[in-house]
Structures are given as structure tokens and as C-alpha cells.
Amino acid sequence: MNELHWLSVAETAAAFAARRLARLHAFVLLDPDVAMDGARAAEREIGTGRIRGKLHGIPVGLKDIIDVAGLPTTCHSKILLDNVARADATVTAKLRQAGVVIVGKLATHEFAIGGPSFDLPFAPARNPWNPDHHPGGSSSGAGAGVAAGLFPAAIGSDTGGSVRNPASCCGIVGLKPTYGLVSRRGVFPLSYTLDHVGPLARTVVDIALLLDAMAGHDPSDPGSAPCSARDFGRELERGVRDVRIGFIRHFHETDMPATPEMTAAIEDAARVLESEGALVRTVTLPSLNEFAAVNRVILASEAWSVHAPWLRTRPGDYGQLARRRLMPGAFIPAGDYVGAQRRRAQMIAAVEDVFREVDVLLCASSMDPASRIEDAGETARTYPRQARTPFNVTGHPALAMMAGLSDGGLPLSVQFAGRYFQDATVLRVAAAYERATEWHKRHPSIG
């Protein structure tokens, strides 16, 4: 059981049923019969010469806020334990069309905001590098399961970093695409302004393949952009010679000083790309604290609008953390929400100004390795120490990936962000960094 990333769907299902994988708690629902039926159907199609694409027959897990027809979408909450989806989310349907086999629903923080929590119907997911530590969130089961090798890819959501945080904590790759590039229809909302749907995988090329399947305009999502999907892996082999990279040092140096290990990993990533021919220069954006404040006001206001009926009538059915994080939205004046949206527009303009001088941004993702999952105080202290929120506020594409290991054996990370709808350029830089390093070849040993 030390190389779970080599297990087949059938072996994974058997191991899960025998509770040999249960301590990671990556799944909320694993349906081996449905998974095997899907795998057999994909195999039959191959036998008849029908191959849907490069993802044909590939097992993928979905965060349990994403609808799969006939399966519960619980959002990891007592509130929705009996909520069976009537139809596939758009992203689910697109993945099926590409030949993907859906293996199950994955653990999340409650409603993508309350966690890691121990007072919910399902246990919180744990970090496969060390199960005493949390795996990041809120797409926690996605990060843990991909890193452990339970499935090669997963789909999560990202409102303040919830795809990139598990990628950072679990040593894999996670992309928050450009806002509007991937439909959110059939994905339970947290914040209409800030929500994104994105892929997690162990390599950059896999992220590109998933994005090819997921992207595209969807008129049923009001936030969907009128663009057609493209070949997002088209630039992966181009390298980074003469690519202009803006290094946002103040995020991890002065705004929220990172640990020495994380700082060293981020600085080394800049040196690696420079050695590959990139032109690296320091750039400045608004402070992390200001980005975080704008994100917090918008998220809390919009999340309250979603949850107000249940919070008024069923407050006790929420976990403590979700309830505590959702309730402040009831007390935010409309003027503060409008002011945050106005400041958000100014922040977008500031980032766009920087992109006139550079092609891609490089910065921290997390400022610390993952804390111990039982240490609520340390988790509360370190969880907001991150630089992912700015790109939810602005909607630019952003990717987090492994950039080292701490002395304690936990993943360190780096983040890249790009211009609107130039997700392929972000992937190009990430692929160059991946080729020049060995971190993507490292896996946790679980047994």
C-alpha cells in the first residue's frame, strides 16, 4: 500500500471498502459499482474504435458541491444530507462527454467554508504526507486523494484559494482558471463574484487536458464568458526564454512574512525560471491585507444571501466553524459591500497595469506548511496567511504547485498568475518549472 498512485479503480475501491484508505477521509461517497460500470463502458467504446479523447476512461473525483445526477450533493453538511442531484452540473456533463469515469464525491469544508471541522456528518480529509496535518481546503478531499494516488485528477472550487490551497498543502498542481472560463451551473455557490471551478492533478499536462474538457461558454451560468475552449496545452513545450515574469516579493516578505523554508522555496522558483531564460523583475500590487479585506466583505455578503434562510431556521444543523464564518454577512451594510466592489474594480485595474509590463506573475501561495489538523488555534492562525485571494478578487487565472519539502516533510509551494484567458501561458510557465525541477516526482508514502 506504499504506492497508491499505481492502484487501479478496482483496487482503490477494494482498499477503500477494507478501510485501508479510510484515515485520509478523501471520499464522502465512493460508488465502486458506478465507477466500474463507467470503466467497462469506456473499455467497450475503445473496443469499437470510439475514443472520446485524451481523458477517455480516466477516473476523476468531484468535490461534493458539484452535482452528479442521481447522487447526493451534501456539501459535507447535515443541511443537505438528503439532497440528491436531479441533473449533472455542466462541468460533470462535459467531463463525461470527454470519456471521464466519475469515481465519487469528495470531502470538502462544509459549504466550502467551514473546516477542517470535526462536528459534521463526515470526518475531515487528512494530508497524505502526514495524516496528522490538514490537506488544505476547501477542496480537501480532492487534494488528499490526488496526492495519495486514489485517483489521478479531481475537480474542486476556488473562492478564496480552495483549489490552490489543497494543491499547495498536498504537493500537487491546482489551477483556478480565468473567471467565467469554466461553468459553475450545478455547483453549490458560496460567492457569485468570486467562485471558480478548477482542476487538481499531479502534473501540469494533466491540468491542461482537464481544462480542455471543462472550459467553454455556458449560457446557463450568468458569469460564464462568451469564449470557446482552446488547446490549453499548446504552449507547454515552449519554455520560458524571454517570458517576462513579475515577482511579487512584498506578498511574502512584508505583507505576510512567510516562514524561512517557504521563502527559500519561492525565491528558488524565481531563480530556476531565470536560469531557464525568463526575465524576472520585481513588481508591486496592493497589499495582501487589502485584497483579503475586499474578498472577505464580498464573500461574507454573498454567502449570507445564499444561507440566510437556513441560518434563520436551522442554525444548529451547521457545524460551528461554518456558522461562525457565515453569520457576519448578516451585519455587513450594503454600503460596505458596494464599497468593496468599487475597490475590487480598482484592484483589477492595478493588476492589469502590471500585466502591461509582464506576461506572468510569480508569488507565494501559502506562507506556511500545513498545520496539525487537531491544532485549531494554529490552523486558524496560518490558514489566512496566503496569497491566493488576490486572484479571486481580480478573476485572473492562477496556479499553485509544489516547490519543495519542509524539514518536517510537508510540501512547500509557489504560485503563478496570468492575464485574462491566457491560462495557457500560466501553464507554459508552470510546465517549464516542472521540467526544471524534480518535485512533481515526489509522492507521499501511505501505508
Protein backbone atom coordinates (compact mmCIF):
# COMPACT_ATOMS: atom_id res chain seq x y z
CA MET A 1 0.00 0.00 0.00
CA ASN A 2 3.02 2.35 -0.25
CA GLU A 3 2.41 3.36 -3.90
CA LEU A 4 -1.28 4.16 -4.04
CA HIS A 5 -0.85 6.24 -7.18
CA TRP A 6 -0.43 2.99 -9.12
CA LEU A 7 -3.69 1.40 -7.94
CA SER A 8 -6.47 0.74 -10.43
CA VAL A 9 -10.06 1.88 -9.88
CA ALA A 10 -10.99 -1.65 -8.76
CA GLU A 11 -8.04 -1.90 -6.38
CA THR A 12 -8.77 1.52 -4.97
CA ALA A 13 -12.41 0.58 -4.39
CA ALA A 14 -11.39 -2.67 -2.67
CA ALA A 15 -8.86 -0.92 -0.48
CA PHE A 16 -11.41 1.70 0.48
CA ALA A 17 -14.01 -0.94 1.31
CA ALA A 18 -11.44 -2.72 3.51
CA ARG A 19 -10.87 0.64 5.28
CA ARG A 20 -7.18 0.64 4.41
CA LEU A 21 -7.58 4.14 2.95
CA ALA A 22 -10.13 5.48 5.39
CA ARG A 23 -7.79 7.51 7.50
CA LEU A 24 -7.42 10.07 4.70
CA HIS A 25 -11.22 10.52 4.53
CA ALA A 26 -10.93 11.81 0.96
CA PHE A 27 -14.33 10.46 -0.07
CA VAL A 28 -17.79 11.43 1.08
CA LEU A 29 -19.26 8.91 -1.35
CA LEU A 30 -17.43 6.24 -3.30
CA ASP A 31 -19.66 4.13 -5.53
CA PRO A 32 -17.44 1.32 -6.89
CA ASP A 33 -20.27 -0.20 -8.92
CA VAL A 34 -20.94 3.03 -10.80
CA ALA A 35 -17.21 3.59 -11.24
CA MET A 36 -16.64 0.10 -12.59
CA ASP A 37 -19.66 0.36 -14.88
CA GLY A 38 -18.21 3.56 -16.27
CA ALA A 39 -14.80 1.99 -16.70
CA ARG A 40 -16.28 -1.03 -18.51
CA ALA A 41 -18.32 1.23 -20.78
CA ALA A 42 -15.19 3.20 -21.65
CA GLU A 43 -13.39 -0.05 -22.40
CA ARG A 44 -16.22 -1.24 -24.67
CA GLU A 45 -16.10 2.04 -26.58
CA ILE A 46 -12.37 1.61 -27.13
CA GLY A 47 -13.06 -1.90 -28.41
CA THR A 48 -15.40 -0.50 -31.03
CA GLY A 49 -12.90 2.15 -32.06
CA ARG A 50 -14.67 5.02 -30.33
CA ILE A 51 -12.29 7.10 -28.22
CA ARG A 52 -13.78 10.29 -26.84
CA GLY A 53 -10.46 12.00 -26.28
CA LYS A 54 -7.32 12.01 -24.15
CA LEU A 55 -9.34 11.61 -20.94
CA HIS A 56 -11.23 8.53 -22.14
CA GLY A 57 -11.56 6.08 -19.22
CA ILE A 58 -9.70 8.31 -16.74
CA PRO A 59 -11.07 8.21 -13.17
CA VAL A 60 -11.82 11.63 -11.67
CA GLY A 61 -13.27 12.61 -8.29
CA LEU A 62 -15.61 15.58 -7.76
CA LYS A 63 -15.81 17.88 -4.76
CA ASP A 64 -19.13 17.27 -3.06
CA ILE A 65 -20.58 20.62 -4.02
CA ILE A 66 -20.69 19.55 -7.70
CA ASP A 67 -23.85 17.81 -8.91
CA VAL A 68 -23.81 14.29 -10.32
CA ALA A 69 -27.25 13.12 -11.42
CA GLY A 70 -28.66 10.54 -9.02
CA LEU A 71 -26.03 11.09 -6.33
CA PRO A 72 -26.28 13.23 -3.19
CA THR A 73 -24.66 16.66 -3.17
CA THR A 74 -24.26 17.10 0.59
CA CYS A 75 -21.72 19.94 0.72
CA HIS A 76 -20.36 17.96 3.69
CA SER A 77 -23.30 19.27 5.75
CA LYS A 78 -26.23 17.94 7.74
CA ILE A 79 -28.33 20.59 5.96
CA LEU A 80 -28.16 18.72 2.62
CA LEU A 81 -27.76 15.07 3.59
CA ASP A 82 -30.84 14.12 1.54
CA ASN A 83 -30.13 16.42 -1.41
CA VAL A 84 -29.96 14.14 -4.46
CA ALA A 85 -28.98 15.90 -7.68
CA ARG A 86 -31.52 15.70 -10.49
CA ALA A 87 -29.02 16.53 -13.24
CA ASP A 88 -25.29 16.72 -13.85
CA ALA A 89 -23.53 20.01 -13.32
CA THR A 90 -22.23 21.43 -16.59
CA VAL A 91 -18.66 20.50 -15.66
CA THR A 92 -19.77 16.94 -14.83
CA ALA A 93 -21.53 16.62 -18.18
CA LYS A 94 -18.51 17.97 -20.03
CA LEU A 95 -16.19 15.52 -18.31
CA ARG A 96 -18.50 12.62 -19.12
CA GLN A 97 -18.56 13.72 -22.76
CA ALA A 98 -14.77 13.57 -22.71
CA GLY A 99 -14.92 9.95 -21.51
CA VAL A 100 -14.08 10.58 -17.84
CA VAL A 101 -15.21 8.00 -15.26
CA ILE A 102 -16.63 9.71 -12.16
CA VAL A 103 -15.43 7.69 -9.16
CA GLY A 104 -17.18 9.52 -6.35
CA LYS A 105 -17.86 12.65 -4.32
CA LEU A 106 -15.01 14.14 -2.33
CA ALA A 107 -14.72 15.68 1.11
CA THR A 108 -14.93 19.44 1.41
CA HIS A 109 -15.14 22.01 4.15
CA GLU A 110 -18.82 22.47 4.97
CA PHE A 111 -20.36 24.52 2.15
CA ALA A 112 -16.76 25.22 1.03
CA ILE A 113 -16.19 27.49 4.03
CA GLY A 114 -16.41 25.65 7.39
CA GLY A 115 -13.39 23.49 8.08
CA PRO A 116 -11.47 21.50 8.87
CA SER A 117 -14.29 20.51 11.23
CA PHE A 118 -14.98 17.52 13.45
CA ASP A 119 -18.67 18.23 14.16
CA LEU A 120 -20.02 17.34 10.70
CA PRO A 121 -21.64 14.17 9.31
CA PHE A 122 -18.33 13.21 7.66
CA ALA A 123 -14.79 13.31 9.01
CA PRO A 124 -12.43 15.94 7.58
CA ALA A 125 -9.93 14.82 4.95
CA ARG A 126 -6.29 14.50 6.06
CA ASN A 127 -2.95 15.21 4.43
CA PRO A 128 -1.37 12.10 2.85
CA TRP A 129 2.15 13.43 3.54
CA ASN A 130 1.29 13.26 7.24
CA PRO A 131 -2.30 12.45 8.27
CA ASP A 132 -1.82 14.43 11.48
CA HIS A 133 -1.91 17.57 9.30
CA HIS A 134 -4.73 19.12 7.29
CA PRO A 135 -4.69 18.87 3.47
CA GLY A 136 -5.80 22.43 2.76
CA GLY A 137 -9.27 23.35 1.71
CA SER A 138 -11.93 23.72 0.96
CA SER A 139 -11.35 21.15 -1.82
CA SER A 140 -9.72 18.99 0.83
CA GLY A 141 -10.66 15.52 -0.39
CA ALA A 142 -9.60 16.46 -3.91
CA GLY A 143 -6.11 17.46 -2.77
CA ALA A 144 -5.68 14.50 -0.44
CA GLY A 145 -6.98 11.93 -2.91
CA VAL A 146 -4.91 13.10 -5.88
CA ALA A 147 -1.73 13.34 -3.80
CA ALA A 148 -2.28 9.88 -2.31
CA GLY A 149 -2.95 8.32 -5.70
CA LEU A 150 -6.57 7.36 -5.09
CA PHE A 151 -7.40 8.92 -8.47
CA PRO A 152 -5.23 10.84 -10.94
CA ALA A 153 -7.33 14.02 -11.02
CA ALA A 154 -10.13 15.85 -9.27
CA ILE A 155 -12.35 18.88 -9.70
CA GLY A 156 -12.78 21.45 -6.94
CA SER A 157 -13.94 25.00 -6.46
CA ASP A 158 -11.96 28.12 -5.57
CA THR A 159 -13.48 31.22 -3.92
CA GLY A 160 -10.52 32.38 -1.85
CA GLY A 161 -7.96 29.77 -2.87
CA SER A 162 -9.81 26.48 -2.36
CA VAL A 163 -8.25 24.64 -5.32
CA ARG A 164 -4.80 26.13 -4.83
CA ASN A 165 -4.67 25.62 -1.06
CA PRO A 166 -5.00 21.79 -1.27
CA ALA A 167 -2.54 21.79 -4.18
CA SER A 168 -0.08 23.72 -2.02
CA CYS A 169 -0.57 21.61 1.11
CA CYS A 170 -0.58 18.25 -0.70
CA GLY A 171 2.23 18.84 -3.21
CA ILE A 172 0.22 18.67 -6.44
CA VAL A 173 -0.94 21.14 -9.13
CA GLY A 174 -4.15 23.15 -8.83
CA LEU A 175 -5.50 25.74 -11.28
CA LYS A 176 -8.07 28.44 -10.71
CA PRO A 177 -8.98 29.27 -14.31
CA THR A 178 -9.90 32.73 -15.56
CA TYR A 179 -13.25 33.81 -14.11
CA GLY A 180 -16.01 32.66 -16.44
CA LEU A 181 -13.91 30.14 -18.36
CA VAL A 182 -15.50 27.11 -16.62
CA SER A 183 -19.23 26.96 -15.93
CA ARG A 184 -20.50 26.94 -12.35
CA ARG A 185 -24.02 25.70 -13.14
CA GLY A 186 -24.80 22.81 -10.83
CA VAL A 187 -22.06 23.79 -8.36
CA PHE A 188 -23.35 24.95 -4.98
CA PRO A 189 -22.48 28.66 -4.69
CA LEU A 190 -20.50 30.43 -2.00
CA SER A 191 -19.89 33.82 -3.66
CA TYR A 192 -21.18 34.64 -7.12
CA THR A 193 -18.47 37.25 -7.63
CA LEU A 194 -15.56 35.09 -6.51
CA ASP A 195 -16.48 31.43 -7.25
CA HIS A 196 -14.42 29.45 -9.78
CA VAL A 197 -14.30 25.75 -10.69
CA GLY A 198 -10.88 24.25 -11.36
CA PRO A 199 -8.86 21.03 -11.75
CA LEU A 200 -6.28 19.36 -9.49
CA ALA A 201 -3.76 16.81 -10.78
CA ARG A 202 -0.18 15.67 -10.30
CA THR A 203 1.28 17.24 -13.45
CA VAL A 204 0.77 20.39 -15.47
CA VAL A 205 -0.05 18.49 -18.67
CA ASP A 206 -2.90 16.75 -16.84
CA ILE A 207 -4.27 20.13 -15.77
CA ALA A 208 -4.23 21.25 -19.40
CA LEU A 209 -6.11 18.13 -20.52
CA LEU A 210 -8.76 18.60 -17.86
CA LEU A 211 -9.18 22.27 -18.71
CA ASP A 212 -9.66 21.38 -22.37
CA ALA A 213 -12.62 19.21 -21.32
CA MET A 214 -14.09 21.65 -18.78
CA ALA A 215 -13.82 25.04 -20.44
CA GLY A 216 -16.38 26.73 -22.66
CA HIS A 217 -19.26 29.17 -22.65
CA ASP A 218 -22.42 28.14 -20.82
CA PRO A 219 -25.43 30.46 -21.20
CA SER A 220 -26.99 28.88 -18.10
CA ASP A 221 -24.25 30.42 -15.92
CA PRO A 222 -24.62 34.23 -15.83
CA GLY A 223 -20.92 34.55 -15.06
CA SER A 224 -19.80 32.40 -17.99
CA ALA A 225 -17.60 34.18 -20.51
CA PRO A 226 -18.50 34.13 -24.22
CA CYS A 227 -15.38 32.25 -25.27
CA SER A 228 -14.78 28.87 -26.82
CA ALA A 229 -12.47 26.24 -25.34
CA ARG A 230 -8.98 26.05 -26.76
CA ASP A 231 -5.97 23.73 -26.67
CA PHE A 232 -4.65 24.80 -23.29
CA GLY A 233 -1.59 22.58 -23.59
CA ARG A 234 -0.41 24.14 -26.83
CA GLU A 235 2.45 26.07 -25.21
CA LEU A 236 3.69 23.52 -22.68
CA GLU A 237 6.90 22.72 -24.55
CA ARG A 238 7.85 26.27 -25.46
CA GLY A 239 9.89 27.01 -22.38
CA VAL A 240 10.19 30.44 -20.81
CA ARG A 241 13.02 32.12 -22.69
CA ASP A 242 12.28 35.86 -22.77
CA VAL A 243 8.99 35.41 -20.90
CA ARG A 244 8.59 38.44 -18.61
CA ILE A 245 7.82 37.36 -15.06
CA GLY A 246 6.76 39.82 -12.38
CA PHE A 247 7.87 38.67 -8.93
CA ILE A 248 5.54 39.97 -6.18
CA ARG A 249 8.05 39.81 -3.35
CA HIS A 250 6.17 42.04 -0.94
CA PHE A 251 3.41 39.45 -0.54
CA HIS A 252 5.73 37.06 1.34
CA GLU A 253 8.41 39.48 2.53
CA THR A 254 6.45 42.29 4.21
CA ASP A 255 2.66 41.86 3.83
CA MET A 256 2.59 38.41 5.48
CA PRO A 257 6.17 37.24 6.10
CA ALA A 258 6.49 33.59 5.12
CA THR A 259 8.46 31.00 7.05
CA PRO A 260 12.16 30.82 6.06
CA GLU A 261 11.58 27.46 4.33
CA MET A 262 8.71 28.79 2.26
CA THR A 263 10.60 31.96 1.42
CA ALA A 264 13.57 29.92 0.22
CA ALA A 265 11.31 27.75 -1.98
CA ILE A 266 9.67 30.79 -3.59
CA GLU A 267 12.98 32.53 -4.19
CA ASP A 268 14.42 29.33 -5.64
CA ALA A 269 11.49 29.07 -8.07
CA ALA A 270 12.35 32.54 -9.36
CA ARG A 271 16.00 31.54 -9.79
CA VAL A 272 15.04 28.34 -11.62
CA LEU A 273 12.90 30.22 -14.13
CA GLU A 274 15.59 32.86 -14.58
CA SER A 275 18.10 30.10 -15.32
CA GLU A 276 15.65 28.79 -17.94
CA GLY A 277 15.74 32.15 -19.73
CA ALA A 278 12.84 34.03 -18.15
CA LEU A 279 13.21 37.75 -17.45
CA VAL A 280 12.35 38.16 -13.77
CA ARG A 281 11.67 41.58 -12.24
CA THR A 282 10.09 42.76 -9.01
CA VAL A 283 6.58 44.24 -9.25
CA THR A 284 4.18 45.77 -6.72
CA LEU A 285 0.44 45.30 -6.23
CA PRO A 286 -1.96 46.42 -3.48
CA SER A 287 -1.20 44.77 -0.14
CA LEU A 288 -2.41 41.30 0.76
CA ASN A 289 -4.32 42.70 3.72
CA GLU A 290 -6.34 44.95 1.42
CA PHE A 291 -7.06 42.14 -1.03
CA ALA A 292 -8.15 39.96 1.89
CA ALA A 293 -10.47 42.65 3.25
CA VAL A 294 -12.20 43.11 -0.10
CA ASN A 295 -12.55 39.36 -0.53
CA ARG A 296 -13.93 38.98 2.98
CA VAL A 297 -16.65 41.64 2.61
CA ILE A 298 -17.83 40.35 -0.78
CA LEU A 299 -17.72 36.69 0.21
CA ALA A 300 -19.49 37.17 3.55
CA SER A 301 -22.22 39.33 1.99
CA GLU A 302 -22.92 36.97 -0.89
CA ALA A 303 -22.65 33.82 1.25
CA TRP A 304 -25.21 35.27 3.66
CA SER A 305 -27.61 35.79 0.77
CA VAL A 306 -27.30 32.07 -0.02
CA HIS A 307 -27.52 30.75 3.54
CA ALA A 308 -29.81 33.23 5.31
CA PRO A 309 -32.97 31.03 5.16
CA TRP A 310 -31.20 28.03 6.75
CA LEU A 311 -29.24 30.12 9.24
CA ARG A 312 -32.52 31.63 10.43
CA THR A 313 -34.39 28.33 10.68
CA ARG A 314 -31.74 25.61 11.15
CA PRO A 315 -28.65 27.24 12.68
CA GLY A 316 -27.93 24.19 14.83
CA ASP A 317 -27.57 21.98 11.77
CA TYR A 318 -24.44 23.83 10.69
CA GLY A 319 -21.04 22.96 12.08
CA GLN A 320 -19.58 25.53 14.43
CA LEU A 321 -16.95 26.83 12.00
CA ALA A 322 -19.32 27.28 9.07
CA ARG A 323 -21.88 29.02 11.24
CA ARG A 324 -19.23 31.34 12.70
CA ARG A 325 -17.88 32.22 9.25
CA LEU A 326 -21.28 32.74 7.61
CA MET A 327 -23.03 34.79 10.29
CA PRO A 328 -21.00 38.05 9.89
CA GLY A 329 -22.58 38.51 6.47
CA ALA A 330 -25.85 39.39 8.22
CA PHE A 331 -24.26 42.53 9.68
CA ILE A 332 -22.42 43.96 6.67
CA PRO A 333 -24.13 47.17 5.43
CA ALA A 334 -24.97 47.42 1.75
CA GLY A 335 -22.68 50.43 1.52
CA ASP A 336 -19.70 48.34 2.63
CA TYR A 337 -20.50 45.71 0.01
CA VAL A 338 -20.74 48.35 -2.72
CA GLY A 339 -17.53 49.92 -1.47
CA ALA A 340 -15.73 46.58 -1.63
CA GLN A 341 -16.95 46.04 -5.19
CA ARG A 342 -15.74 49.53 -6.12
CA ARG A 343 -12.32 48.86 -4.59
CA ARG A 344 -12.26 45.50 -6.37
CA ALA A 345 -12.55 47.31 -9.72
CA GLN A 346 -9.57 49.49 -8.77
CA MET A 347 -7.56 46.39 -7.81
CA ILE A 348 -8.35 44.79 -11.15
CA ALA A 349 -7.06 47.92 -12.86
CA ALA A 350 -3.86 47.79 -10.76
CA VAL A 351 -3.17 44.19 -11.79
CA GLU A 352 -3.96 44.97 -15.42
CA ASP A 353 -1.45 47.83 -15.28
CA VAL A 354 1.27 45.42 -14.14
CA PHE A 355 0.35 42.99 -16.93
CA ARG A 356 1.21 45.68 -19.46
CA GLU A 357 4.84 45.18 -18.40
CA VAL A 358 4.97 41.43 -17.65
CA ASP A 359 3.47 38.21 -19.00
CA VAL A 360 3.07 36.18 -15.80
CA LEU A 361 3.21 36.89 -12.08
CA LEU A 362 5.12 34.76 -9.57
CA CYS A 363 4.36 34.87 -5.86
CA ALA A 364 3.71 32.84 -2.75
CA SER A 365 0.69 30.59 -2.41
CA SER A 366 0.86 29.64 1.28
CA MET A 367 3.13 31.29 3.83
CA ASP A 368 3.42 28.14 5.97
CA PRO A 369 3.29 24.37 5.54
CA ALA A 370 0.04 22.73 6.63
CA SER A 371 -0.60 22.82 10.38
CA ARG A 372 -1.66 19.88 12.52
CA ILE A 373 -5.33 19.19 11.92
CA GLU A 374 -6.16 18.86 15.62
CA ASP A 375 -4.50 22.19 16.47
CA ALA A 376 -7.44 24.52 15.85
CA GLY A 377 -5.57 27.57 17.09
CA GLU A 378 -2.58 27.09 14.80
CA THR A 379 -4.83 26.29 11.85
CA ALA A 380 -6.83 29.47 12.50
CA ARG A 381 -3.56 31.45 12.64
CA THR A 382 -1.92 30.03 9.50
CA TYR A 383 -4.94 29.40 7.24
CA PRO A 384 -5.40 33.05 6.19
CA ARG A 385 -1.65 33.50 5.70
CA GLN A 386 -1.76 33.10 1.94
CA ALA A 387 -1.53 35.00 -1.35
CA ARG A 388 -4.27 33.22 -3.30
CA THR A 389 -7.13 35.60 -2.51
CA PRO A 390 -5.92 38.42 -4.80
CA PHE A 391 -6.68 36.40 -7.91
CA ASN A 392 -10.20 35.55 -6.75
CA VAL A 393 -10.78 39.26 -6.27
CA THR A 394 -9.49 40.05 -9.77
CA GLY A 395 -10.52 36.85 -11.59
CA HIS A 396 -7.13 36.28 -13.25
CA PRO A 397 -6.01 32.67 -13.78
CA ALA A 398 -3.71 31.37 -11.05
CA LEU A 399 -1.94 28.06 -10.45
CA ALA A 400 -0.26 26.62 -7.35
CA MET A 401 2.24 23.78 -7.39
CA MET A 402 4.85 22.04 -5.27
CA ALA A 403 8.18 23.86 -4.84
CA GLY A 404 9.91 21.86 -2.13
CA LEU A 405 9.58 19.95 1.13
CA SER A 406 9.86 21.37 4.61
CA ASP A 407 12.18 19.91 7.23
CA GLY A 408 9.06 18.25 8.60
CA GLY A 409 8.41 16.51 5.27
CA LEU A 410 5.44 18.66 4.21
CA PRO A 411 5.06 20.27 0.77
CA LEU A 412 6.13 23.85 0.06
CA SER A 413 4.61 25.75 -2.84
CA VAL A 414 4.74 28.55 -5.40
CA GLN A 415 2.03 30.34 -7.40
CA PHE A 416 1.83 31.70 -10.96
CA ALA A 417 -0.87 34.03 -12.32
CA GLY A 418 -1.57 35.34 -15.80
CA ARG A 419 -3.63 37.65 -17.95
CA TYR A 420 -7.31 37.02 -18.52
CA PHE A 421 -7.91 33.98 -20.75
CA GLN A 422 -4.18 33.36 -21.08
CA ASP A 423 -4.39 30.28 -18.91
CA ALA A 424 -2.20 28.52 -21.48
CA THR A 425 0.66 30.93 -20.70
CA VAL A 426 0.35 30.22 -16.98
CA LEU A 427 0.51 26.50 -17.76
CA ARG A 428 3.52 27.11 -20.01
CA VAL A 429 5.50 28.71 -17.17
CA ALA A 430 4.40 26.05 -14.70
CA ALA A 431 5.45 23.30 -17.12
CA ALA A 432 8.88 24.87 -17.57
CA TYR A 433 9.34 25.00 -13.80
CA GLU A 434 8.12 21.40 -13.51
CA ARG A 435 10.63 20.17 -16.11
CA ALA A 436 13.49 22.01 -14.44
CA THR A 437 12.80 20.50 -11.00
CA GLU A 438 12.07 17.11 -9.51
CA TRP A 439 9.29 17.95 -7.07
CA HIS A 440 6.48 16.51 -9.21
CA LYS A 441 8.17 13.10 -8.94
CA ARG A 442 7.86 13.06 -5.14
CA HIS A 443 4.88 11.30 -3.60
CA PRO A 444 3.73 10.66 -0.05
CA SER A 445 4.16 7.15 1.31
CA ILE A 446 0.90 5.92 2.79
CA GLY A 447 0.55 2.54 4.41
